[in-house]
Amino acid sequence: MNDELQLLKNLGKTSAQWLHAVGIHSASDLRRLGAVDAYRAVRTRGFRASKVLLYAIEGALMNVHWNDIPAERKEALNRQLDAIAARQKN
């Protein structure tokens, strides 16, 4: 299978399948949505993705291994998630 998402760093078969299931089929789709919203879409769909998927998507967008994303950037991603969750509670 020629899957554009699987050609991106960090994204394998399962993560690509999850992204496809939520309507993300290309690198441009992923860039347009961003890591936080793509991760939220996967989680909202019921897939049991860990935060590693969030970091893997961000790394794919940055073309770096997810472990090489600076801690400050990971913290910023988590703050974005927390802020969205807080808004949804209200």
PDB file of N, CA and C in Angstrom:
ATOM      1  N   MET A   1       0.846  -1.176   0.000  1.00  0.00           N
ATOM      2  CA  MET A   1       0.000   0.000   0.000  1.00  0.00           C
ATOM      3  C   MET A   1       0.895   1.243   0.000  1.00  0.00           C
ATOM      4  N   ASN A   2       0.563   2.192  -0.860  1.00  0.00           N
ATOM      5  CA  ASN A   2       1.303   3.447  -0.938  1.00  0.00           C
ATOM      6  C   ASN A   2       0.560   4.483  -0.100  1.00  0.00           C
ATOM      7  N   ASP A   3       0.945   4.626   1.139  1.00  0.00           N
ATOM      8  CA  ASP A   3       0.258   5.507   2.082  1.00  0.00           C
ATOM      9  C   ASP A   3       1.160   6.679   2.421  1.00  0.00           C
ATOM     10  N   GLU A   4       0.759   7.859   2.011  1.00  0.00           N
ATOM     11  CA  GLU A   4       1.566   9.062   2.238  1.00  0.00           C
ATOM     12  C   GLU A   4       1.856   9.280   3.713  1.00  0.00           C
ATOM     13  N   LEU A   5       0.897   8.989   4.579  1.00  0.00           N
ATOM     14  CA  LEU A   5       1.113   9.216   6.012  1.00  0.00           C
ATOM     15  C   LEU A   5       2.210   8.318   6.558  1.00  0.00           C
ATOM     16  N   GLN A   6       2.283   7.082   6.071  1.00  0.00           N
ATOM     17  CA  GLN A   6       3.310   6.165   6.565  1.00  0.00           C
ATOM     18  C   GLN A   6       4.706   6.551   6.099  1.00  0.00           C
ATOM     19  N   LEU A   7       4.796   7.434   5.127  1.00  0.00           N
ATOM     20  CA  LEU A   7       6.097   7.919   4.679  1.00  0.00           C
ATOM     21  C   LEU A   7       6.652   8.990   5.609  1.00  0.00           C
ATOM     22  N   LEU A   8       5.783   9.549   6.457  1.00  0.00           N
ATOM     23  CA  LEU A   8       6.218  10.567   7.410  1.00  0.00           C
ATOM     24  C   LEU A   8       6.925   9.905   8.586  1.00  0.00           C
ATOM     25  N   LYS A   9       7.890  10.615   9.124  1.00  0.00           N
ATOM     26  CA  LYS A   9       8.623  10.132  10.300  1.00  0.00           C
ATOM     27  C   LYS A   9       7.637   9.878  11.440  1.00  0.00           C
ATOM     28  N   ASN A  10       7.826   8.795  12.165  1.00  0.00           N
ATOM     29  CA  ASN A  10       7.065   8.417  13.372  1.00  0.00           C
ATOM     30  C   ASN A  10       5.735   7.728  13.122  1.00  0.00           C
ATOM     31  N   LEU A  11       5.180   7.827  11.928  1.00  0.00           N
ATOM     32  CA  LEU A  11       3.840   7.287  11.695  1.00  0.00           C
ATOM     33  C   LEU A  11       3.931   5.919  11.023  1.00  0.00           C
ATOM     34  N   GLY A  12       3.362   4.930  11.687  1.00  0.00           N
ATOM     35  CA  GLY A  12       3.343   3.579  11.149  1.00  0.00           C
ATOM     36  C   GLY A  12       1.944   3.198  10.700  1.00  0.00           C
ATOM     37  N   LYS A  13       1.763   1.917  10.501  1.00  0.00           N
ATOM     38  CA  LYS A  13       0.504   1.407   9.969  1.00  0.00           C
ATOM     39  C   LYS A  13      -0.694   1.752  10.851  1.00  0.00           C
ATOM     40  N   THR A  14      -0.581   1.502  12.146  1.00  0.00           N
ATOM     41  CA  THR A  14      -1.720   1.731  13.045  1.00  0.00           C
ATOM     42  C   THR A  14      -2.061   3.206  13.144  1.00  0.00           C
ATOM     43  N   SER A  15      -1.057   4.047  13.347  1.00  0.00           N
ATOM     44  CA  SER A  15      -1.354   5.481  13.456  1.00  0.00           C
ATOM     45  C   SER A  15      -1.934   6.014  12.151  1.00  0.00           C
ATOM     46  N   ALA A  16      -1.433   5.532  11.014  1.00  0.00           N
ATOM     47  CA  ALA A  16      -1.984   5.962   9.727  1.00  0.00           C
ATOM     48  C   ALA A  16      -3.440   5.500   9.595  1.00  0.00           C
ATOM     49  N   GLN A  17      -3.744   4.285  10.022  1.00  0.00           N
ATOM     50  CA  GLN A  17      -5.122   3.794   9.961  1.00  0.00           C
ATOM     51  C   GLN A  17      -6.048   4.646  10.825  1.00  0.00           C
ATOM     52  N   TRP A  18      -5.588   5.002  12.019  1.00  0.00           N
ATOM     53  CA  TRP A  18      -6.393   5.855  12.891  1.00  0.00           C
ATOM     54  C   TRP A  18      -6.638   7.208  12.243  1.00  0.00           C
ATOM     55  N   LEU A  19      -5.588   7.783  11.669  1.00  0.00           N
ATOM     56  CA  LEU A  19      -5.729   9.088  11.023  1.00  0.00           C
ATOM     57  C   LEU A  19      -6.671   9.005   9.828  1.00  0.00           C
ATOM     58  N   HIS A  20      -6.556   7.954   9.035  1.00  0.00           N
ATOM     59  CA  HIS A  20      -7.481   7.769   7.915  1.00  0.00           C
ATOM     60  C   HIS A  20      -8.920   7.685   8.415  1.00  0.00           C
ATOM     61  N   ALA A  21      -9.128   6.987   9.518  1.00  0.00           N
ATOM     62  CA  ALA A  21     -10.479   6.797  10.065  1.00  0.00           C
ATOM     63  C   ALA A  21     -11.135   8.115  10.463  1.00  0.00           C
ATOM     64  N   VAL A  22     -10.326   9.129  10.750  1.00  0.00           N
ATOM     65  CA  VAL A  22     -10.888  10.433  11.134  1.00  0.00           C
ATOM     66  C   VAL A  22     -10.796  11.444   9.985  1.00  0.00           C
ATOM     67  N   GLY A  23     -10.506  10.958   8.789  1.00  0.00           N
ATOM     68  CA  GLY A  23     -10.537  11.819   7.617  1.00  0.00           C
ATOM     69  C   GLY A  23      -9.229  12.496   7.248  1.00  0.00           C
ATOM     70  N   ILE A  24      -8.141  12.060   7.841  1.00  0.00           N
ATOM     71  CA  ILE A  24      -6.829  12.625   7.533  1.00  0.00           C
ATOM     72  C   ILE A  24      -6.119  11.628   6.622  1.00  0.00           C
ATOM     73  N   HIS A  25      -5.884  12.041   5.372  1.00  0.00           N
ATOM     74  CA  HIS A  25      -5.349  11.105   4.386  1.00  0.00           C
ATOM     75  C   HIS A  25      -4.022  11.522   3.787  1.00  0.00           C
ATOM     76  N   SER A  26      -3.563  12.716   4.107  1.00  0.00           N
ATOM     77  CA  SER A  26      -2.322  13.198   3.494  1.00  0.00           C
ATOM     78  C   SER A  26      -1.559  14.069   4.480  1.00  0.00           C
ATOM     79  N   ALA A  27      -0.304  14.333   4.130  1.00  0.00           N
ATOM     80  CA  ALA A  27       0.507  15.227   4.953  1.00  0.00           C
ATOM     81  C   ALA A  27      -0.112  16.619   4.997  1.00  0.00           C
ATOM     82  N   SER A  28      -0.688  17.060   3.896  1.00  0.00           N
ATOM     83  CA  SER A  28      -1.305  18.395   3.904  1.00  0.00           C
ATOM     84  C   SER A  28      -2.542  18.419   4.798  1.00  0.00           C
ATOM     85  N   ASP A  29      -3.319  17.330   4.828  1.00  0.00           N
ATOM     86  CA  ASP A  29      -4.446  17.243   5.768  1.00  0.00           C
ATOM     87  C   ASP A  29      -3.936  17.374   7.196  1.00  0.00           C
ATOM     88  N   LEU A  30      -2.850  16.669   7.488  1.00  0.00           N
ATOM     89  CA  LEU A  30      -2.283  16.668   8.834  1.00  0.00           C
ATOM     90  C   LEU A  30      -1.771  18.056   9.201  1.00  0.00           C
ATOM     91  N   ARG A  31      -1.079  18.710   8.275  1.00  0.00           N
ATOM     92  CA  ARG A  31      -0.580  20.071   8.532  1.00  0.00           C
ATOM     93  C   ARG A  31      -1.730  21.039   8.774  1.00  0.00           C
ATOM     94  N   ARG A  32      -2.762  20.913   7.962  1.00  0.00           N
ATOM     95  CA  ARG A  32      -3.918  21.812   8.074  1.00  0.00           C
ATOM     96  C   ARG A  32      -4.581  21.682   9.447  1.00  0.00           C
ATOM     97  N   LEU A  33      -4.695  20.465   9.946  1.00  0.00           N
ATOM     98  CA  LEU A  33      -5.359  20.235  11.229  1.00  0.00           C
ATOM     99  C   LEU A  33      -4.436  20.502  12.409  1.00  0.00           C
ATOM    100  N   GLY A  34      -3.176  20.120  12.279  1.00  0.00           N
ATOM    101  CA  GLY A  34      -2.234  20.281  13.379  1.00  0.00           C
ATOM    102  C   GLY A  34      -2.244  19.081  14.302  1.00  0.00           C
ATOM    103  N   ALA A  35      -1.192  18.957  15.087  1.00  0.00           N
ATOM    104  CA  ALA A  35      -1.006  17.779  15.934  1.00  0.00           C
ATOM    105  C   ALA A  35      -2.092  17.637  16.994  1.00  0.00           C
ATOM    106  N   VAL A  36      -2.424  18.722  17.667  1.00  0.00           N
ATOM    107  CA  VAL A  36      -3.395  18.631  18.764  1.00  0.00           C
ATOM    108  C   VAL A  36      -4.771  18.225  18.253  1.00  0.00           C
ATOM    109  N   ASP A  37      -5.246  18.874  17.197  1.00  0.00           N
ATOM    110  CA  ASP A  37      -6.581  18.548  16.693  1.00  0.00           C
ATOM    111  C   ASP A  37      -6.620  17.165  16.045  1.00  0.00           C
ATOM    112  N   ALA A  38      -5.544  16.758  15.398  1.00  0.00           N
ATOM    113  CA  ALA A  38      -5.501  15.413  14.823  1.00  0.00           C
ATOM    114  C   ALA A  38      -5.545  14.371  15.943  1.00  0.00           C
ATOM    115  N   TYR A  39      -4.765  14.587  16.986  1.00  0.00           N
ATOM    116  CA  TYR A  39      -4.752  13.674  18.136  1.00  0.00           C
ATOM    117  C   TYR A  39      -6.132  13.619  18.790  1.00  0.00           C
ATOM    118  N   ARG A  40      -6.746  14.782  18.976  1.00  0.00           N
ATOM    119  CA  ARG A  40      -8.076  14.825  19.587  1.00  0.00           C
ATOM    120  C   ARG A  40      -9.103  14.088  18.732  1.00  0.00           C
ATOM    121  N   ALA A  41      -9.000  14.224  17.413  1.00  0.00           N
ATOM    122  CA  ALA A  41      -9.930  13.533  16.520  1.00  0.00           C
ATOM    123  C   ALA A  41      -9.801  12.020  16.680  1.00  0.00           C
ATOM    124  N   VAL A  42      -8.575  11.537  16.778  1.00  0.00           N
ATOM    125  CA  VAL A  42      -8.346  10.098  16.959  1.00  0.00           C
ATOM    126  C   VAL A  42      -8.922   9.640  18.292  1.00  0.00           C
ATOM    127  N   ARG A  43      -8.639  10.384  19.347  1.00  0.00           N
ATOM    128  CA  ARG A  43      -9.147  10.007  20.685  1.00  0.00           C
ATOM    129  C   ARG A  43     -10.675  10.077  20.727  1.00  0.00           C
ATOM    130  N   THR A  44     -11.247  11.109  20.128  1.00  0.00           N
ATOM    131  CA  THR A  44     -12.700  11.277  20.125  1.00  0.00           C
ATOM    132  C   THR A  44     -13.383  10.129  19.396  1.00  0.00           C
ATOM    133  N   ARG A  45     -12.720   9.604  18.403  1.00  0.00           N
ATOM    134  CA  ARG A  45     -13.269   8.481  17.631  1.00  0.00           C
ATOM    135  C   ARG A  45     -13.240   7.181  18.440  1.00  0.00           C
ATOM    136  N   GLY A  46     -12.580   7.204  19.595  1.00  0.00           N
ATOM    137  CA  GLY A  46     -12.578   6.043  20.478  1.00  0.00           C
ATOM    138  C   GLY A  46     -11.315   5.207  20.440  1.00  0.00           C
ATOM    139  N   PHE A  47     -10.344   5.611  19.629  1.00  0.00           N
ATOM    140  CA  PHE A  47      -9.096   4.869  19.600  1.00  0.00           C
ATOM    141  C   PHE A  47      -8.309   5.168  20.874  1.00  0.00           C
ATOM    142  N   ARG A  48      -7.672   4.163  21.422  1.00  0.00           N
ATOM    143  CA  ARG A  48      -6.956   4.299  22.695  1.00  0.00           C
ATOM    144  C   ARG A  48      -5.511   4.720  22.462  1.00  0.00           C
ATOM    145  N   ALA A  49      -5.358   5.881  21.892  1.00  0.00           N
ATOM    146  CA  ALA A  49      -4.030   6.410  21.582  1.00  0.00           C
ATOM    147  C   ALA A  49      -3.448   7.097  22.811  1.00  0.00           C
ATOM    148  N   SER A  50      -2.179   6.865  23.040  1.00  0.00           N
ATOM    149  CA  SER A  50      -1.492   7.527  24.152  1.00  0.00           C
ATOM    150  C   SER A  50      -0.941   8.869  23.676  1.00  0.00           C
ATOM    151  N   LYS A  51      -0.354   9.596  24.606  1.00  0.00           N
ATOM    152  CA  LYS A  51       0.258  10.881  24.259  1.00  0.00           C
ATOM    153  C   LYS A  51       1.410  10.713  23.271  1.00  0.00           C
ATOM    154  N   VAL A  52       1.954   9.510  23.190  1.00  0.00           N
ATOM    155  CA  VAL A  52       3.021   9.283  22.219  1.00  0.00           C
ATOM    156  C   VAL A  52       2.513   9.589  20.809  1.00  0.00           C
ATOM    157  N   LEU A  53       1.244   9.294  20.530  1.00  0.00           N
ATOM    158  CA  LEU A  53       0.702   9.626  19.210  1.00  0.00           C
ATOM    159  C   LEU A  53       0.726  11.127  18.985  1.00  0.00           C
ATOM    160  N   LEU A  54       0.366  11.896  19.987  1.00  0.00           N
ATOM    161  CA  LEU A  54       0.417  13.355  19.878  1.00  0.00           C
ATOM    162  C   LEU A  54       1.826  13.795  19.503  1.00  0.00           C
ATOM    163  N   TYR A  55       2.808  13.279  20.210  1.00  0.00           N
ATOM    164  CA  TYR A  55       4.199  13.657  19.951  1.00  0.00           C
ATOM    165  C   TYR A  55       4.679  13.108  18.597  1.00  0.00           C
ATOM    166  N   ALA A  56       4.199  11.923  18.233  1.00  0.00           N
ATOM    167  CA  ALA A  56       4.574  11.347  16.937  1.00  0.00           C
ATOM    168  C   ALA A  56       4.044  12.207  15.793  1.00  0.00           C
ATOM    169  N   ILE A  57       2.814  12.686  15.930  1.00  0.00           N
ATOM    170  CA  ILE A  57       2.245  13.554  14.891  1.00  0.00           C
ATOM    171  C   ILE A  57       3.020  14.858  14.812  1.00  0.00           C
ATOM    172  N   GLU A  58       3.305  15.454  15.951  1.00  0.00           N
ATOM    173  CA  GLU A  58       4.082  16.697  15.963  1.00  0.00           C
ATOM    174  C   GLU A  58       5.458  16.455  15.340  1.00  0.00           C
ATOM    175  N   GLY A  59       6.091  15.349  15.700  1.00  0.00           N
ATOM    176  CA  GLY A  59       7.381  15.019  15.116  1.00  0.00           C
ATOM    177  C   GLY A  59       7.291  14.814  13.613  1.00  0.00           C
ATOM    178  N   ALA A  60       6.207  14.188  13.156  1.00  0.00           N
ATOM    179  CA  ALA A  60       6.013  13.998  11.715  1.00  0.00           C
ATOM    180  C   ALA A  60       5.922  15.354  11.017  1.00  0.00           C
ATOM    181  N   LEU A  61       5.215  16.277  11.643  1.00  0.00           N
ATOM    182  CA  LEU A  61       5.079  17.616  11.058  1.00  0.00           C
ATOM    183  C   LEU A  61       6.401  18.378  11.067  1.00  0.00           C
ATOM    184  N   MET A  62       7.228  18.101  12.059  1.00  0.00           N
ATOM    185  CA  MET A  62       8.534  18.770  12.182  1.00  0.00           C
ATOM    186  C   MET A  62       9.655  17.987  11.491  1.00  0.00           C
ATOM    187  N   ASN A  63       9.357  16.764  11.049  1.00  0.00           N
ATOM    188  CA  ASN A  63      10.331  15.849  10.453  1.00  0.00           C
ATOM    189  C   ASN A  63      11.469  15.516  11.417  1.00  0.00           C
ATOM    190  N   VAL A  64      11.080  15.231  12.670  1.00  0.00           N
ATOM    191  CA  VAL A  64      12.035  14.783  13.681  1.00  0.00           C
ATOM    192  C   VAL A  64      11.427  13.600  14.435  1.00  0.00           C
ATOM    193  N   HIS A  65      12.282  12.782  15.030  1.00  0.00           N
ATOM    194  CA  HIS A  65      11.786  11.697  15.868  1.00  0.00           C
ATOM    195  C   HIS A  65      11.047  12.314  17.055  1.00  0.00           C
ATOM    196  N   TRP A  66       9.957  11.693  17.462  1.00  0.00           N
ATOM    197  CA  TRP A  66       9.141  12.278  18.534  1.00  0.00           C
ATOM    198  C   TRP A  66       9.930  12.454  19.828  1.00  0.00           C
ATOM    199  N   ASN A  67      10.923  11.615  20.073  1.00  0.00           N
ATOM    200  CA  ASN A  67      11.736  11.753  21.287  1.00  0.00           C
ATOM    201  C   ASN A  67      12.627  12.990  21.244  1.00  0.00           C
ATOM    202  N   ASP A  68      12.858  13.524  20.049  1.00  0.00           N
ATOM    203  CA  ASP A  68      13.724  14.692  19.893  1.00  0.00           C
ATOM    204  C   ASP A  68      12.967  16.019  19.952  1.00  0.00           C
ATOM    205  N   ILE A  69      11.667  15.957  20.143  1.00  0.00           N
ATOM    206  CA  ILE A  69      10.893  17.188  20.305  1.00  0.00           C
ATOM    207  C   ILE A  69      11.268  17.787  21.657  1.00  0.00           C
ATOM    208  N   PRO A  70      11.603  19.061  21.697  1.00  0.00           N
ATOM    209  CA  PRO A  70      11.979  19.671  22.979  1.00  0.00           C
ATOM    210  C   PRO A  70      10.866  19.553  24.021  1.00  0.00           C
ATOM    211  N   ALA A  71      11.268  19.383  25.268  1.00  0.00           N
ATOM    212  CA  ALA A  71      10.303  19.243  26.370  1.00  0.00           C
ATOM    213  C   ALA A  71       9.347  20.427  26.417  1.00  0.00           C
ATOM    214  N   GLU A  72       9.853  21.618  26.109  1.00  0.00           N
ATOM    215  CA  GLU A  72       8.991  22.813  26.138  1.00  0.00           C
ATOM    216  C   GLU A  72       7.866  22.690  25.112  1.00  0.00           C
ATOM    217  N   ARG A  73       8.172  22.128  23.946  1.00  0.00           N
ATOM    218  CA  ARG A  73       7.142  21.968  22.904  1.00  0.00           C
ATOM    219  C   ARG A  73       6.126  20.918  23.335  1.00  0.00           C
ATOM    220  N   LYS A  74       6.585  19.832  23.930  1.00  0.00           N
ATOM    221  CA  LYS A  74       5.659  18.812  24.426  1.00  0.00           C
ATOM    222  C   LYS A  74       4.743  19.407  25.491  1.00  0.00           C
ATOM    223  N   GLU A  75       5.322  20.222  26.374  1.00  0.00           N
ATOM    224  CA  GLU A  75       4.514  20.875  27.408  1.00  0.00           C
ATOM    225  C   GLU A  75       3.483  21.807  26.791  1.00  0.00           C
ATOM    226  N   ALA A  76       3.863  22.526  25.747  1.00  0.00           N
ATOM    227  CA  ALA A  76       2.932  23.433  25.064  1.00  0.00           C
ATOM    228  C   ALA A  76       1.780  22.645  24.434  1.00  0.00           C
ATOM    229  N   LEU A  77       2.083  21.502  23.837  1.00  0.00           N
ATOM    230  CA  LEU A  77       1.033  20.652  23.259  1.00  0.00           C
ATOM    231  C   LEU A  77       0.072  20.182  24.349  1.00  0.00           C
ATOM    232  N   ASN A  78       0.625  19.771  25.487  1.00  0.00           N
ATOM    233  CA  ASN A  78      -0.219  19.315  26.599  1.00  0.00           C
ATOM    234  C   ASN A  78      -1.068  20.446  27.159  1.00  0.00           C
ATOM    235  N   ARG A  79      -0.507  21.653  27.213  1.00  0.00           N
ATOM    236  CA  ARG A  79      -1.301  22.805  27.670  1.00  0.00           C
ATOM    237  C   ARG A  79      -2.454  23.084  26.720  1.00  0.00           C
ATOM    238  N   GLN A  80      -2.211  22.953  25.416  1.00  0.00           N
ATOM    239  CA  GLN A  80      -3.283  23.141  24.441  1.00  0.00           C
ATOM    240  C   GLN A  80      -4.399  22.125  24.670  1.00  0.00           C
ATOM    241  N   LEU A  81      -4.027  20.880  24.874  1.00  0.00           N
ATOM    242  CA  LEU A  81      -5.030  19.847  25.150  1.00  0.00           C
ATOM    243  C   LEU A  81      -5.818  20.157  26.412  1.00  0.00           C
ATOM    244  N   ASP A  82      -5.111  20.558  27.468  1.00  0.00           N
ATOM    245  CA  ASP A  82      -5.758  20.879  28.737  1.00  0.00           C
ATOM    246  C   ASP A  82      -6.724  22.057  28.595  1.00  0.00           C
ATOM    247  N   ALA A  83      -6.325  23.061  27.826  1.00  0.00           N
ATOM    248  CA  ALA A  83      -7.170  24.237  27.627  1.00  0.00           C
ATOM    249  C   ALA A  83      -8.448  23.872  26.881  1.00  0.00           C
ATOM    250  N   ILE A  84      -8.334  23.014  25.894  1.00  0.00           N
ATOM    251  CA  ILE A  84      -9.514  22.570  25.138  1.00  0.00           C
ATOM    252  C   ILE A  84     -10.431  21.771  26.050  1.00  0.00           C
ATOM    253  N   ALA A  85      -9.869  20.882  26.836  1.00  0.00           N
ATOM    254  CA  ALA A  85     -10.666  20.073  27.765  1.00  0.00           C
ATOM    255  C   ALA A  85     -11.382  20.956  28.776  1.00  0.00           C
ATOM    256  N   ALA A  86     -10.699  21.983  29.276  1.00  0.00           N
ATOM    257  CA  ALA A  86     -11.299  22.895  30.248  1.00  0.00           C
ATOM    258  C   ALA A  86     -12.472  23.660  29.608  1.00  0.00           C
ATOM    259  N   ARG A  87     -12.293  24.103  28.369  1.00  0.00           N
ATOM    260  CA  ARG A  87     -13.370  24.829  27.677  1.00  0.00           C
ATOM    261  C   ARG A  87     -14.571  23.938  27.453  1.00  0.00           C
ATOM    262  N   GLN A  88     -14.338  22.676  27.169  1.00  0.00           N
ATOM    263  CA  GLN A  88     -15.437  21.753  26.917  1.00  0.00           C
ATOM    264  C   GLN A  88     -16.216  21.422  28.174  1.00  0.00           C
ATOM    265  N   LYS A  89     -15.573  21.522  29.341  1.00  0.00           N
ATOM    266  CA  LYS A  89     -16.257  21.266  30.609  1.00  0.00           C
ATOM    267  C   LYS A  89     -17.228  22.387  30.933  1.00  0.00           C
ATOM    268  N   ASN A  90     -16.937  23.591  30.484  1.00  0.00           N
ATOM    269  CA  ASN A  90     -17.778  24.754  30.816  1.00  0.00           C
ATOM    270  C   ASN A  90     -18.915  24.931  29.857  1.00  0.00           C
TER     271      ASN A  90
END
